[in-house]
PDB file of N, CA and C in Angstrom:
ATOM      1  N   THR A   1      -5.446-110.766 -18.573  1.00  0.00           N
ATOM      2  CA  THR A   1      -4.030-110.536 -18.379  1.00  0.00           C
ATOM      3  C   THR A   1      -3.762-109.040 -18.236  1.00  0.00           C
ATOM      4  N   ARG A   2      -2.729-108.739 -17.519  1.00  0.00           N
ATOM      5  CA  ARG A   2      -2.349-107.337 -17.318  1.00  0.00           C
ATOM      6  C   ARG A   2      -1.261-106.970 -18.311  1.00  0.00           C
ATOM      7  N   ARG A   3      -1.322-105.770 -18.811  1.00  0.00           N
ATOM      8  CA  ARG A   3      -0.330-105.267 -19.749  1.00  0.00           C
ATOM      9  C   ARG A   3       0.755-104.517 -18.982  1.00  0.00           C
ATOM     10  N   ILE A   4       1.986-104.705 -19.416  1.00  0.00           N
ATOM     11  CA  ILE A   4       3.118-103.985 -18.836  1.00  0.00           C
ATOM     12  C   ILE A   4       3.382-102.750 -19.692  1.00  0.00           C
ATOM     13  N   TYR A   5       3.412-101.593 -19.065  1.00  0.00           N
ATOM     14  CA  TYR A   5       3.718-100.344 -19.755  1.00  0.00           C
ATOM     15  C   TYR A   5       5.111 -99.900 -19.326  1.00  0.00           C
ATOM     16  N   LEU A   6       6.047 -99.882 -20.262  1.00  0.00           N
ATOM     17  CA  LEU A   6       7.429 -99.520 -19.974  1.00  0.00           C
ATOM     18  C   LEU A   6       7.565 -98.175 -19.282  1.00  0.00           C
ATOM     19  N   LEU A   7       6.777 -97.193 -19.705  1.00  0.00           N
ATOM     20  CA  LEU A   7       6.943 -95.829 -19.221  1.00  0.00           C
ATOM     21  C   LEU A   7       5.862 -95.395 -18.241  1.00  0.00           C
ATOM     22  N   ASN A   8       5.111 -96.333 -17.704  1.00  0.00           N
ATOM     23  CA  ASN A   8       4.050 -95.992 -16.765  1.00  0.00           C
ATOM     24  C   ASN A   8       4.627 -95.248 -15.568  1.00  0.00           C
ATOM     25  N   GLY A   9       4.093 -94.076 -15.294  1.00  0.00           N
ATOM     26  CA  GLY A   9       4.558 -93.259 -14.190  1.00  0.00           C
ATOM     27  C   GLY A   9       5.755 -92.391 -14.521  1.00  0.00           C
ATOM     28  N   ILE A  10       6.289 -92.520 -15.750  1.00  0.00           N
ATOM     29  CA  ILE A  10       7.469 -91.765 -16.160  1.00  0.00           C
ATOM     30  C   ILE A  10       7.170 -90.803 -17.297  1.00  0.00           C
ATOM     31  N   ILE A  11       6.399 -91.249 -18.274  1.00  0.00           N
ATOM     32  CA  ILE A  11       6.152 -90.459 -19.480  1.00  0.00           C
ATOM     33  C   ILE A  11       5.279 -89.242 -19.166  1.00  0.00           C
ATOM     34  N   VAL A  12       5.655 -88.109 -19.738  1.00  0.00           N
ATOM     35  CA  VAL A  12       4.923 -86.864 -19.490  1.00  0.00           C
ATOM     36  C   VAL A  12       4.555 -86.197 -20.815  1.00  0.00           C
ATOM     37  N   CYS A  13       3.588 -85.331 -20.765  1.00  0.00           N
ATOM     38  CA  CYS A  13       3.164 -84.539 -21.914  1.00  0.00           C
ATOM     39  C   CYS A  13       4.288 -83.566 -22.272  1.00  0.00           C
ATOM     40  N   SER A  14       4.600 -83.473 -23.554  1.00  0.00           N
ATOM     41  CA  SER A  14       5.676 -82.576 -23.989  1.00  0.00           C
ATOM     42  C   SER A  14       5.284 -81.109 -23.883  1.00  0.00           C
ATOM     43  N   THR A  15       3.999 -80.817 -23.727  1.00  0.00           N
ATOM     44  CA  THR A  15       3.539 -79.434 -23.639  1.00  0.00           C
ATOM     45  C   THR A  15       3.378 -78.974 -22.193  1.00  0.00           C
ATOM     46  N   CYS A  16       2.586 -79.703 -21.421  1.00  0.00           N
ATOM     47  CA  CYS A  16       2.292 -79.247 -20.054  1.00  0.00           C
ATOM     48  C   CYS A  16       3.183 -79.900 -18.997  1.00  0.00           C
ATOM     49  N   GLY A  17       3.854 -81.005 -19.329  1.00  0.00           N
ATOM     50  CA  GLY A  17       4.754 -81.660 -18.388  1.00  0.00           C
ATOM     51  C   GLY A  17       4.075 -82.567 -17.382  1.00  0.00           C
ATOM     52  N   ARG A  18       2.751 -82.705 -17.486  1.00  0.00           N
ATOM     53  CA  ARG A  18       2.042 -83.601 -16.552  1.00  0.00           C
ATOM     54  C   ARG A  18       2.147 -85.042 -17.043  1.00  0.00           C
ATOM     55  N   ARG A  19       2.073 -85.964 -16.080  1.00  0.00           N
ATOM     56  CA  ARG A  19       2.192 -87.382 -16.418  1.00  0.00           C
ATOM     57  C   ARG A  19       1.025 -87.854 -17.281  1.00  0.00           C
ATOM     58  N   LEU A  20       1.376 -88.740 -18.228  1.00  0.00           N
ATOM     59  CA  LEU A  20       0.356 -89.395 -19.041  1.00  0.00           C
ATOM     60  C   LEU A  20      -0.099 -90.653 -18.313  1.00  0.00           C
ATOM     61  N   ARG A  21      -1.320 -91.051 -18.562  1.00  0.00           N
ATOM     62  CA  ARG A  21      -1.893 -92.238 -17.930  1.00  0.00           C
ATOM     63  C   ARG A  21      -1.862 -93.399 -18.923  1.00  0.00           C
ATOM     64  N   ALA A  22      -1.405 -94.540 -18.466  1.00  0.00           N
ATOM     65  CA  ALA A  22      -1.436 -95.746 -19.283  1.00  0.00           C
ATOM     66  C   ALA A  22      -2.826 -96.373 -19.168  1.00  0.00           C
ATOM     67  N   GLN A  23      -3.416 -96.680 -20.323  1.00  0.00           N
ATOM     68  CA  GLN A  23      -4.758 -97.271 -20.324  1.00  0.00           C
ATOM     69  C   GLN A  23      -4.864 -98.348 -21.395  1.00  0.00           C
ATOM     70  N   THR A  24      -5.670 -99.354 -21.110  1.00  0.00           N
ATOM     71  CA  THR A  24      -5.922-100.427 -22.063  1.00  0.00           C
ATOM     72  C   THR A  24      -7.415-100.521 -22.310  1.00  0.00           C
ATOM     73  N   PRO A  25      -7.904 -99.939 -23.426  1.00  0.00           N
ATOM     74  CA  PRO A  25      -9.321-100.126 -23.764  1.00  0.00           C
ATOM     75  C   PRO A  25      -9.586-101.596 -24.089  1.00  0.00           C
ATOM     76  N   LYS A  26     -10.776-102.044 -23.864  1.00  0.00           N
ATOM     77  CA  LYS A  26     -11.139-103.444 -24.075  1.00  0.00           C
ATOM     78  C   LYS A  26     -10.886-103.849 -25.531  1.00  0.00           C
ATOM     79  N   ASN A  27     -10.135-104.947 -25.705  1.00  0.00           N
ATOM     80  CA  ASN A  27      -9.831-105.524 -27.021  1.00  0.00           C
ATOM     81  C   ASN A  27      -9.133-104.551 -27.971  1.00  0.00           C
ATOM     82  N   GLN A  28      -8.305-103.649 -27.422  1.00  0.00           N
ATOM     83  CA  GLN A  28      -7.549-102.694 -28.232  1.00  0.00           C
ATOM     84  C   GLN A  28      -6.129-102.615 -27.693  1.00  0.00           C
ATOM     85  N   PRO A  29      -5.214-102.043 -28.491  1.00  0.00           N
ATOM     86  CA  PRO A  29      -3.861-101.854 -27.969  1.00  0.00           C
ATOM     87  C   PRO A  29      -3.856-100.829 -26.840  1.00  0.00           C
ATOM     88  N   GLY A  30      -2.811-100.840 -26.037  1.00  0.00           N
ATOM     89  CA  GLY A  30      -2.702 -99.889 -24.933  1.00  0.00           C
ATOM     90  C   GLY A  30      -2.317 -98.506 -25.422  1.00  0.00           C
ATOM     91  N   TYR A  31      -2.585 -97.521 -24.588  1.00  0.00           N
ATOM     92  CA  TYR A  31      -2.315 -96.127 -24.926  1.00  0.00           C
ATOM     93  C   TYR A  31      -1.741 -95.395 -23.733  1.00  0.00           C
ATOM     94  N   TYR A  32      -0.984 -94.351 -24.029  1.00  0.00           N
ATOM     95  CA  TYR A  32      -0.632 -93.340 -23.046  1.00  0.00           C
ATOM     96  C   TYR A  32      -1.529 -92.152 -23.353  1.00  0.00           C
ATOM     97  N   ARG A  33      -2.294 -91.697 -22.367  1.00  0.00           N
ATOM     98  CA  ARG A  33      -3.274 -90.633 -22.597  1.00  0.00           C
ATOM     99  C   ARG A  33      -2.983 -89.400 -21.741  1.00  0.00           C
ATOM    100  N   GLU A  34      -3.254 -88.247 -22.321  1.00  0.00           N
ATOM    101  CA  GLU A  34      -3.156 -86.982 -21.589  1.00  0.00           C
ATOM    102  C   GLU A  34      -4.501 -86.761 -20.912  1.00  0.00           C
ATOM    103  N   VAL A  35      -4.508 -86.801 -19.597  1.00  0.00           N
ATOM    104  CA  VAL A  35      -5.776 -86.758 -18.855  1.00  0.00           C
ATOM    105  C   VAL A  35      -5.779 -85.689 -17.770  1.00  0.00           C
ATOM    106  N   SER A  36      -4.989 -84.639 -17.933  1.00  0.00           N
ATOM    107  CA  SER A  36      -4.944 -83.615 -16.885  1.00  0.00           C
ATOM    108  C   SER A  36      -6.293 -82.924 -16.706  1.00  0.00           C
ATOM    109  N   HIS A  37      -7.160 -82.985 -17.731  1.00  0.00           N
ATOM    110  CA  HIS A  37      -8.502 -82.403 -17.596  1.00  0.00           C
ATOM    111  C   HIS A  37      -9.297 -83.095 -16.488  1.00  0.00           C
ATOM    112  N   LEU A  38      -8.962 -84.354 -16.204  1.00  0.00           N
ATOM    113  CA  LEU A  38      -9.655 -85.071 -15.133  1.00  0.00           C
ATOM    114  C   LEU A  38      -9.292 -84.526 -13.756  1.00  0.00           C
ATOM    115  N   ASN A  39      -8.168 -83.812 -13.691  1.00  0.00           N
ATOM    116  CA  ASN A  39      -7.728 -83.200 -12.432  1.00  0.00           C
ATOM    117  C   ASN A  39      -8.028 -81.712 -12.401  1.00  0.00           C
ATOM    118  N   GLY A  40      -8.875 -81.252 -13.308  1.00  0.00           N
ATOM    119  CA  GLY A  40      -9.311 -79.860 -13.291  1.00  0.00           C
ATOM    120  C   GLY A  40      -8.459 -78.903 -14.105  1.00  0.00           C
ATOM    121  N   PHE A  41      -7.431 -79.405 -14.787  1.00  0.00           N
ATOM    122  CA  PHE A  41      -6.591 -78.538 -15.608  1.00  0.00           C
ATOM    123  C   PHE A  41      -7.195 -78.432 -17.004  1.00  0.00           C
ATOM    124  N   GLN A  42      -7.320 -77.224 -17.493  1.00  0.00           N
ATOM    125  CA  GLN A  42      -7.898 -77.002 -18.823  1.00  0.00           C
ATOM    126  C   GLN A  42      -6.912 -76.305 -19.755  1.00  0.00           C
ATOM    127  N   ASP A  43      -5.643 -76.224 -19.358  1.00  0.00           N
ATOM    128  CA  ASP A  43      -4.666 -75.426 -20.099  1.00  0.00           C
ATOM    129  C   ASP A  43      -3.839 -76.198 -21.116  1.00  0.00           C
ATOM    130  N   CYS A  44      -3.967 -77.507 -21.209  1.00  0.00           N
ATOM    131  CA  CYS A  44      -3.126 -78.282 -22.116  1.00  0.00           C
ATOM    132  C   CYS A  44      -3.822 -78.495 -23.463  1.00  0.00           C
ATOM    133  N   PRO A  45      -3.191 -78.072 -24.555  1.00  0.00           N
ATOM    134  CA  PRO A  45      -3.790 -78.285 -25.876  1.00  0.00           C
ATOM    135  C   PRO A  45      -3.811 -79.758 -26.289  1.00  0.00           C
ATOM    136  N   ASN A  46      -3.056 -80.600 -25.583  1.00  0.00           N
ATOM    137  CA  ASN A  46      -3.044 -82.033 -25.879  1.00  0.00           C
ATOM    138  C   ASN A  46      -4.081 -82.806 -25.074  1.00  0.00           C
ATOM    139  N   SER A  47      -4.893 -82.088 -24.320  1.00  0.00           N
ATOM    140  CA  SER A  47      -5.907 -82.737 -23.503  1.00  0.00           C
ATOM    141  C   SER A  47      -6.778 -83.657 -24.359  1.00  0.00           C
ATOM    142  N   HIS A  48      -7.095 -84.803 -23.825  1.00  0.00           N
ATOM    143  CA  HIS A  48      -7.932 -85.813 -24.483  1.00  0.00           C
ATOM    144  C   HIS A  48      -7.220 -86.536 -25.625  1.00  0.00           C
ATOM    145  N   THR A  49      -5.916 -86.328 -25.819  1.00  0.00           N
ATOM    146  CA  THR A  49      -5.218 -87.024 -26.896  1.00  0.00           C
ATOM    147  C   THR A  49      -4.459 -88.216 -26.330  1.00  0.00           C
ATOM    148  N   SER A  50      -4.069 -89.115 -27.225  1.00  0.00           N
ATOM    149  CA  SER A  50      -3.363 -90.314 -26.794  1.00  0.00           C
ATOM    150  C   SER A  50      -2.400 -90.767 -27.886  1.00  0.00           C
ATOM    151  N   VAL A  51      -1.497 -91.652 -27.483  1.00  0.00           N
ATOM    152  CA  VAL A  51      -0.559 -92.275 -28.408  1.00  0.00           C
ATOM    153  C   VAL A  51      -0.473 -93.748 -28.036  1.00  0.00           C
ATOM    154  N   ARG A  52      -0.379 -94.597 -29.054  1.00  0.00           N
ATOM    155  CA  ARG A  52      -0.312 -96.029 -28.778  1.00  0.00           C
ATOM    156  C   ARG A  52       0.971 -96.363 -28.038  1.00  0.00           C
ATOM    157  N   SER A  53       0.841 -97.129 -26.978  1.00  0.00           N
ATOM    158  CA  SER A  53       1.991 -97.443 -26.136  1.00  0.00           C
ATOM    159  C   SER A  53       3.011 -98.312 -26.869  1.00  0.00           C
ATOM    160  N   ASP A  54       2.566 -99.197 -27.759  1.00  0.00           N
ATOM    161  CA  ASP A  54       3.526-100.057 -28.450  1.00  0.00           C
ATOM    162  C   ASP A  54       4.448 -99.246 -29.360  1.00  0.00           C
ATOM    163  N   LEU A  55       3.959 -98.147 -29.928  1.00  0.00           N
ATOM    164  CA  LEU A  55       4.796 -97.302 -30.773  1.00  0.00           C
ATOM    165  C   LEU A  55       5.864 -96.590 -29.944  1.00  0.00           C
ATOM    166  N   ILE A  56       5.468 -96.075 -28.792  1.00  0.00           N
ATOM    167  CA  ILE A  56       6.417 -95.400 -27.901  1.00  0.00           C
ATOM    168  C   ILE A  56       7.407 -96.398 -27.324  1.00  0.00           C
ATOM    169  N   ASP A  57       6.929 -97.551 -26.887  1.00  0.00           N
ATOM    170  CA  ASP A  57       7.808 -98.557 -26.301  1.00  0.00           C
ATOM    171  C   ASP A  57       8.847 -99.030 -27.316  1.00  0.00           C
ATOM    172  N   GLU A  58       8.482 -99.158 -28.568  1.00  0.00           N
ATOM    173  CA  GLU A  58       9.420 -99.568 -29.614  1.00  0.00           C
ATOM    174  C   GLU A  58      10.490 -98.495 -29.830  1.00  0.00           C
ATOM    175  N   GLN A  59      10.117 -97.235 -29.761  1.00  0.00           N
ATOM    176  CA  GLN A  59      11.098 -96.155 -29.890  1.00  0.00           C
ATOM    177  C   GLN A  59      12.095 -96.196 -28.739  1.00  0.00           C
ATOM    178  N   ILE A  60      11.607 -96.462 -27.538  1.00  0.00           N
ATOM    179  CA  ILE A  60      12.494 -96.575 -26.378  1.00  0.00           C
ATOM    180  C   ILE A  60      13.420 -97.778 -26.537  1.00  0.00           C
ATOM    181  N   ALA A  61      12.893 -98.898 -27.016  1.00  0.00           N
ATOM    182  CA  ALA A  61      13.708-100.093 -27.231  1.00  0.00           C
ATOM    183  C   ALA A  61      14.812 -99.811 -28.250  1.00  0.00           C
ATOM    184  N   ASP A  62      14.511 -99.063 -29.311  1.00  0.00           N
ATOM    185  CA  ASP A  62      15.522 -98.693 -30.305  1.00  0.00           C
ATOM    186  C   ASP A  62      16.632 -97.870 -29.673  1.00  0.00           C
ATOM    187  N   LEU A  63      16.279 -96.941 -28.794  1.00  0.00           N
ATOM    188  CA  LEU A  63      17.286 -96.136 -28.108  1.00  0.00           C
ATOM    189  C   LEU A  63      18.163 -96.987 -27.190  1.00  0.00           C
ATOM    190  N   VAL A  64      17.560 -97.917 -26.477  1.00  0.00           N
ATOM    191  CA  VAL A  64      18.315 -98.778 -25.570  1.00  0.00           C
ATOM    192  C   VAL A  64      19.286 -99.655 -26.360  1.00  0.00           C
ATOM    193  N   ARG A  65      18.874-100.123 -27.536  1.00  0.00           N
ATOM    194  CA  ARG A  65      19.756-100.946 -28.370  1.00  0.00           C
ATOM    195  C   ARG A  65      20.999-100.182 -28.826  1.00  0.00           C
ATOM    196  N   LEU A  66      20.913 -98.873 -28.889  1.00  0.00           N
ATOM    197  CA  LEU A  66      22.050 -98.052 -29.315  1.00  0.00           C
ATOM    198  C   LEU A  66      23.087 -97.841 -28.216  1.00  0.00           C
ATOM    199  N   LEU A  67      22.715 -98.134 -26.976  1.00  0.00           N
ATOM    200  CA  LEU A  67      23.638 -97.940 -25.865  1.00  0.00           C
ATOM    201  C   LEU A  67      24.811 -98.910 -25.961  1.00  0.00           C
ATOM    202  N   LYS A  68      26.006 -98.392 -25.729  1.00  0.00           N
ATOM    203  CA  LYS A  68      27.219 -99.212 -25.731  1.00  0.00           C
ATOM    204  C   LYS A  68      27.888 -99.074 -24.376  1.00  0.00           C
ATOM    205  N   LEU A  69      28.078-100.187 -23.707  1.00  0.00           N
ATOM    206  CA  LEU A  69      28.752-100.175 -22.409  1.00  0.00           C
ATOM    207  C   LEU A  69      30.263-100.227 -22.613  1.00  0.00           C
ATOM    208  N   PRO A  70      31.030 -99.602 -21.738  1.00  0.00           N
ATOM    209  CA  PRO A  70      32.487 -99.677 -21.855  1.00  0.00           C
ATOM    210  C   PRO A  70      32.960-101.111 -21.699  1.00  0.00           C
ATOM    211  N   LEU A  71      34.098-101.417 -22.316  1.00  0.00           N
ATOM    212  CA  LEU A  71      34.646-102.786 -22.252  1.00  0.00           C
ATOM    213  C   LEU A  71      34.966-103.216 -20.828  1.00  0.00           C
ATOM    214  N   ASP A  72      35.324-102.264 -19.965  1.00  0.00           N
ATOM    215  CA  ASP A  72      35.674-102.607 -18.583  1.00  0.00           C
ATOM    216  C   ASP A  72      34.457-102.594 -17.653  1.00  0.00           C
ATOM    217  N   TRP A  73      33.254-102.605 -18.211  1.00  0.00           N
ATOM    218  CA  TRP A  73      32.042-102.627 -17.400  1.00  0.00           C
ATOM    219  C   TRP A  73      31.954-103.932 -16.636  1.00  0.00           C
ATOM    220  N   ASP A  74      31.753-103.862 -15.337  1.00  0.00           N
ATOM    221  CA  ASP A  74      31.662-105.073 -14.515  1.00  0.00           C
ATOM    222  C   ASP A  74      30.277-105.245 -13.985  1.00  0.00           C
TER     223      ASP A  74
END
Protein backbone atom coordinates (compact mmCIF):
# COMPACT_ATOMS: atom_id res chain seq x y z
CA THR A 1 0.00 0.00 0.00
CA ARG A 2 1.07 3.56 -0.61
CA ARG A 3 1.23 6.08 2.19
CA ILE A 4 -0.30 9.53 1.81
CA TYR A 5 1.92 12.36 3.06
CA LEU A 6 -0.08 15.52 3.79
CA LEU A 7 2.87 17.85 3.25
CA ASN A 8 4.69 16.04 0.45
CA GLY A 9 6.19 18.66 -1.84
CA ILE A 10 5.30 21.47 0.58
CA ILE A 11 7.27 20.99 3.80
CA VAL A 12 10.70 22.63 3.92
CA CYS A 13 13.67 22.67 6.26
CA SER A 14 13.39 25.52 8.77
CA THR A 15 17.12 26.25 8.39
CA CYS A 16 18.00 26.00 4.70
CA GLY A 17 14.49 26.28 3.18
CA ARG A 18 14.94 23.28 0.89
CA ARG A 19 12.13 20.77 0.50
CA LEU A 20 12.06 17.71 2.72
CA ARG A 21 11.56 14.30 1.14
CA ALA A 22 8.79 12.00 2.28
CA GLN A 23 10.06 8.45 2.79
CA THR A 24 8.68 5.19 4.14
CA PRO A 25 11.32 2.77 5.43
CA LYS A 26 10.24 -0.86 5.27
CA ASN A 27 7.94 -1.80 8.20
CA GLN A 28 8.41 1.61 9.88
CA PRO A 29 6.42 4.83 10.14
CA GLY A 30 6.91 7.44 7.42
CA TYR A 31 9.33 10.33 7.73
CA TYR A 32 10.08 13.71 6.28
CA ARG A 33 13.84 13.80 5.70
CA GLU A 34 16.33 16.56 4.98
CA VAL A 35 18.23 15.25 1.97
CA SER A 36 19.82 18.30 0.35
CA HIS A 37 23.20 16.54 0.70
CA LEU A 38 22.01 14.21 -2.07
CA ASN A 39 21.90 17.24 -4.37
CA GLY A 40 25.43 18.33 -3.47
CA PHE A 41 24.55 20.85 -0.75
CA GLN A 42 26.68 20.55 2.38
CA ASP A 43 25.59 23.75 4.16
CA CYS A 44 22.54 22.56 6.14
CA PRO A 45 23.14 21.57 9.78
CA ASN A 46 19.94 19.49 9.60
CA SER A 47 21.35 17.31 6.85
CA HIS A 48 20.61 13.61 7.34
CA THR A 49 17.93 14.34 9.98
CA SER A 50 14.28 13.37 9.87
CA VAL A 51 10.98 13.76 11.67
CA ARG A 52 8.13 11.27 11.80
CA SER A 53 5.42 12.28 9.37
CA ASP A 54 2.56 11.22 11.66
CA LEU A 55 3.72 13.71 14.31
CA ILE A 56 3.85 16.57 11.81
CA ASP A 57 0.57 15.58 10.17
CA GLU A 58 -1.17 15.55 13.57
CA GLN A 59 0.11 19.07 14.30
CA ILE A 60 -1.29 20.25 10.97
CA ALA A 61 -4.62 18.54 11.71
CA ASP A 62 -4.78 20.36 15.08
CA LEU A 63 -4.26 23.69 13.31
CA VAL A 64 -6.96 22.93 10.73
CA ARG A 65 -9.42 22.05 13.52
CA LEU A 66 -8.92 25.54 14.95
CA LEU A 67 -10.07 27.22 11.74
CA LYS A 68 -13.49 28.88 11.96
CA LEU A 69 -15.36 29.75 8.79
CA PRO A 70 -17.64 32.80 8.74
CA LEU A 71 -21.35 32.10 9.18
CA ASP A 72 -22.07 33.46 5.69
CA TRP A 73 -19.59 31.05 4.06
CA ASP A 74 -21.17 29.48 0.99
